């Protein structure tokens, strides 16, 4: 599958593109520059990297964790 742009990834995760960009540009994940390269001015995010971004965004309160039924 082709990689996602920041906008596409943000839509999939239900966050603002700025929140996702902040995680990438502030290098909160140390491998984000190599895993999510900037090509011709656009950052590309491999689909297998999305769970890492999702976890960081959840930790920062940008994505709500889903409640588990019965808990």
N, C-alpha and C. Protein backbone atom coordinates (compact mmCIF):
# COMPACT_ATOMS: atom_id res chain seq x y z
N UNK A 1 0.85 -1.18 0.00
CA UNK A 1 0.00 0.00 0.00
C UNK A 1 0.89 1.24 0.00
N UNK A 2 0.44 2.26 -0.67
CA UNK A 2 1.25 3.49 -0.70
C UNK A 2 1.22 4.20 0.66
N UNK A 3 2.25 4.97 0.95
CA UNK A 3 2.27 5.70 2.22
C UNK A 3 1.20 6.80 2.23
N UNK A 4 0.92 7.27 3.43
CA UNK A 4 -0.08 8.33 3.62
C UNK A 4 0.60 9.68 3.73
N UNK A 5 -0.11 10.72 3.34
CA UNK A 5 0.35 12.07 3.63
C UNK A 5 -0.11 12.41 5.05
N UNK A 6 0.36 13.52 5.57
CA UNK A 6 -0.06 13.94 6.91
C UNK A 6 -1.57 14.14 6.95
N UNK A 7 -2.13 14.78 5.94
CA UNK A 7 -3.57 15.01 5.91
C UNK A 7 -4.38 13.73 5.88
N UNK A 8 -3.94 12.77 5.06
CA UNK A 8 -4.64 11.49 4.98
C UNK A 8 -4.57 10.73 6.30
N UNK A 9 -3.39 10.72 6.90
CA UNK A 9 -3.21 10.03 8.17
C UNK A 9 -4.05 10.69 9.27
N UNK A 10 -4.06 12.00 9.28
CA UNK A 10 -4.85 12.74 10.28
C UNK A 10 -6.33 12.40 10.15
N UNK A 11 -6.83 12.34 8.92
CA UNK A 11 -8.23 11.98 8.71
C UNK A 11 -8.52 10.57 9.21
N UNK A 12 -7.61 9.63 8.93
CA UNK A 12 -7.81 8.25 9.39
C UNK A 12 -7.85 8.17 10.91
N UNK A 13 -7.00 8.98 11.57
CA UNK A 13 -6.93 8.94 13.03
C UNK A 13 -7.94 9.86 13.70
N UNK A 14 -8.57 10.72 12.93
CA UNK A 14 -9.57 11.64 13.49
C UNK A 14 -8.95 12.77 14.31
N UNK A 15 -7.78 13.24 13.87
CA UNK A 15 -7.11 14.35 14.56
C UNK A 15 -6.86 15.49 13.57
N UNK A 16 -6.52 16.64 14.11
CA UNK A 16 -6.16 17.76 13.26
C UNK A 16 -4.78 17.49 12.64
N UNK A 17 -4.58 17.84 11.38
CA UNK A 17 -3.26 17.66 10.77
C UNK A 17 -2.14 18.33 11.58
N UNK A 18 -2.43 19.47 12.19
CA UNK A 18 -1.42 20.17 12.99
C UNK A 18 -0.96 19.31 14.17
N UNK A 19 -1.88 18.61 14.81
CA UNK A 19 -1.51 17.75 15.94
C UNK A 19 -0.56 16.65 15.49
N UNK A 20 -0.83 16.08 14.33
CA UNK A 20 0.03 15.04 13.79
C UNK A 20 1.38 15.63 13.36
N UNK A 21 1.34 16.77 12.70
CA UNK A 21 2.58 17.44 12.29
C UNK A 21 3.46 17.77 13.48
N UNK A 22 2.85 18.21 14.56
CA UNK A 22 3.62 18.54 15.76
C UNK A 22 4.40 17.33 16.26
N UNK A 23 3.76 16.18 16.28
CA UNK A 23 4.44 14.95 16.73
C UNK A 23 5.64 14.66 15.83
N UNK A 24 5.47 14.84 14.53
CA UNK A 24 6.55 14.54 13.59
C UNK A 24 7.65 15.59 13.62
N UNK A 25 7.28 16.86 13.58
CA UNK A 25 8.30 17.91 13.48
C UNK A 25 9.02 18.17 14.79
N UNK A 26 8.40 17.85 15.90
CA UNK A 26 9.08 18.00 17.19
C UNK A 26 9.91 16.77 17.52
N UNK A 27 9.85 15.77 16.64
CA UNK A 27 10.63 14.53 16.77
C UNK A 27 10.36 13.82 18.10
N UNK A 28 9.10 13.75 18.44
CA UNK A 28 8.70 13.06 19.67
C UNK A 28 9.04 11.57 19.56
N UNK A 29 8.91 11.03 18.37
CA UNK A 29 9.36 9.67 18.09
C UNK A 29 10.72 9.79 17.40
N UNK A 30 11.78 9.29 18.02
CA UNK A 30 13.12 9.53 17.49
C UNK A 30 13.37 8.99 16.09
N UNK A 31 12.60 8.01 15.66
CA UNK A 31 12.82 7.46 14.32
C UNK A 31 11.91 8.06 13.26
N UNK A 32 11.13 9.08 13.61
CA UNK A 32 10.15 9.62 12.67
C UNK A 32 10.78 10.21 11.42
N UNK A 33 11.96 10.81 11.51
CA UNK A 33 12.59 11.39 10.32
C UNK A 33 12.98 10.32 9.31
N UNK A 34 13.45 9.19 9.78
CA UNK A 34 13.84 8.14 8.85
C UNK A 34 12.64 7.31 8.39
N UNK A 35 11.69 7.10 9.27
CA UNK A 35 10.51 6.29 8.93
C UNK A 35 9.48 7.07 8.11
N UNK A 36 9.42 8.38 8.33
CA UNK A 36 8.43 9.23 7.65
C UNK A 36 9.16 10.35 6.93
N UNK A 37 9.80 10.05 5.81
CA UNK A 37 10.63 11.04 5.13
C UNK A 37 9.83 12.16 4.48
N UNK A 38 10.49 13.28 4.32
CA UNK A 38 9.93 14.39 3.55
C UNK A 38 10.46 14.25 2.13
N UNK A 39 9.55 14.17 1.17
CA UNK A 39 9.90 14.04 -0.23
C UNK A 39 9.18 15.14 -1.00
N UNK A 40 9.97 15.97 -1.65
CA UNK A 40 9.41 17.08 -2.44
C UNK A 40 8.46 17.93 -1.60
N UNK A 41 8.84 18.16 -0.35
CA UNK A 41 8.05 19.03 0.52
C UNK A 41 6.87 18.38 1.21
N UNK A 42 6.67 17.11 1.01
CA UNK A 42 5.56 16.39 1.67
C UNK A 42 6.12 15.27 2.51
N UNK A 43 5.54 15.11 3.69
CA UNK A 43 5.96 14.01 4.56
C UNK A 43 5.09 12.80 4.26
N UNK A 44 5.74 11.66 4.10
CA UNK A 44 5.03 10.42 3.81
C UNK A 44 5.14 9.46 4.99
N UNK A 45 4.00 8.91 5.36
CA UNK A 45 3.90 8.06 6.54
C UNK A 45 3.52 6.65 6.10
N UNK A 46 4.41 5.68 6.34
CA UNK A 46 4.06 4.30 6.01
C UNK A 46 2.90 3.82 6.90
N UNK A 47 2.03 3.05 6.34
CA UNK A 47 0.86 2.58 7.11
C UNK A 47 1.27 1.81 8.37
N UNK A 48 2.39 1.11 8.31
CA UNK A 48 2.81 0.35 9.50
C UNK A 48 3.33 1.26 10.61
N UNK A 49 3.54 2.53 10.33
CA UNK A 49 4.00 3.48 11.35
C UNK A 49 2.82 4.16 12.06
N UNK A 50 1.64 4.07 11.48
CA UNK A 50 0.45 4.73 12.03
C UNK A 50 0.16 4.32 13.48
N UNK A 51 0.28 3.04 13.87
CA UNK A 51 0.02 2.69 15.27
C UNK A 51 0.93 3.43 16.27
N UNK A 52 2.19 3.68 15.90
CA UNK A 52 3.08 4.44 16.78
C UNK A 52 2.58 5.86 16.95
N UNK A 53 2.17 6.47 15.84
CA UNK A 53 1.65 7.83 15.89
C UNK A 53 0.36 7.88 16.71
N UNK A 54 -0.49 6.89 16.51
CA UNK A 54 -1.75 6.83 17.25
C UNK A 54 -1.50 6.76 18.75
N UNK A 55 -0.53 5.94 19.16
CA UNK A 55 -0.22 5.80 20.59
C UNK A 55 0.26 7.12 21.18
N UNK A 56 1.11 7.84 20.46
CA UNK A 56 1.61 9.12 20.95
C UNK A 56 0.47 10.13 21.03
N UNK A 57 -0.38 10.16 20.03
CA UNK A 57 -1.50 11.09 20.04
C UNK A 57 -2.48 10.77 21.17
N UNK A 58 -2.65 9.48 21.46
CA UNK A 58 -3.50 9.10 22.60
C UNK A 58 -2.89 9.57 23.90
N UNK A 59 -1.58 9.37 24.06
CA UNK A 59 -0.90 9.81 25.28
C UNK A 59 -1.02 11.31 25.48
N UNK A 60 -1.05 12.06 24.39
CA UNK A 60 -1.14 13.51 24.46
C UNK A 60 -2.59 14.01 24.54
N UNK A 61 -3.54 13.07 24.57
CA UNK A 61 -4.95 13.44 24.70
C UNK A 61 -5.59 13.94 23.43
N UNK A 62 -4.98 13.65 22.30
CA UNK A 62 -5.54 14.10 21.02
C UNK A 62 -6.50 13.07 20.44
N UNK A 63 -6.36 11.81 20.89
CA UNK A 63 -7.27 10.74 20.49
C UNK A 63 -7.77 10.10 21.78
N UNK A 64 -9.05 9.95 21.88
CA UNK A 64 -9.59 9.28 23.07
C UNK A 64 -9.47 7.79 22.91
N UNK A 65 -9.06 7.14 23.98
CA UNK A 65 -9.01 5.67 23.96
C UNK A 65 -10.45 5.16 24.03
N UNK A 66 -10.70 4.13 23.29
CA UNK A 66 -12.06 3.55 23.32
C UNK A 66 -12.26 2.80 24.62
N UNK A 67 -13.42 2.98 25.19
CA UNK A 67 -13.75 2.28 26.42
C UNK A 67 -14.02 0.82 26.10
N UNK A 68 -13.52 -0.05 26.92
CA UNK A 68 -13.77 -1.48 26.75
C UNK A 68 -15.08 -1.82 27.45
N UNK A 69 -15.95 -2.52 26.75
CA UNK A 69 -17.26 -2.87 27.30
C UNK A 69 -17.08 -3.64 28.61
N UNK A 70 -17.84 -3.25 29.62
CA UNK A 70 -17.82 -3.95 30.88
C UNK A 70 -16.74 -3.49 31.85
N UNK A 71 -15.98 -2.46 31.47
CA UNK A 71 -14.93 -2.02 32.40
C UNK A 71 -15.32 -0.77 33.13
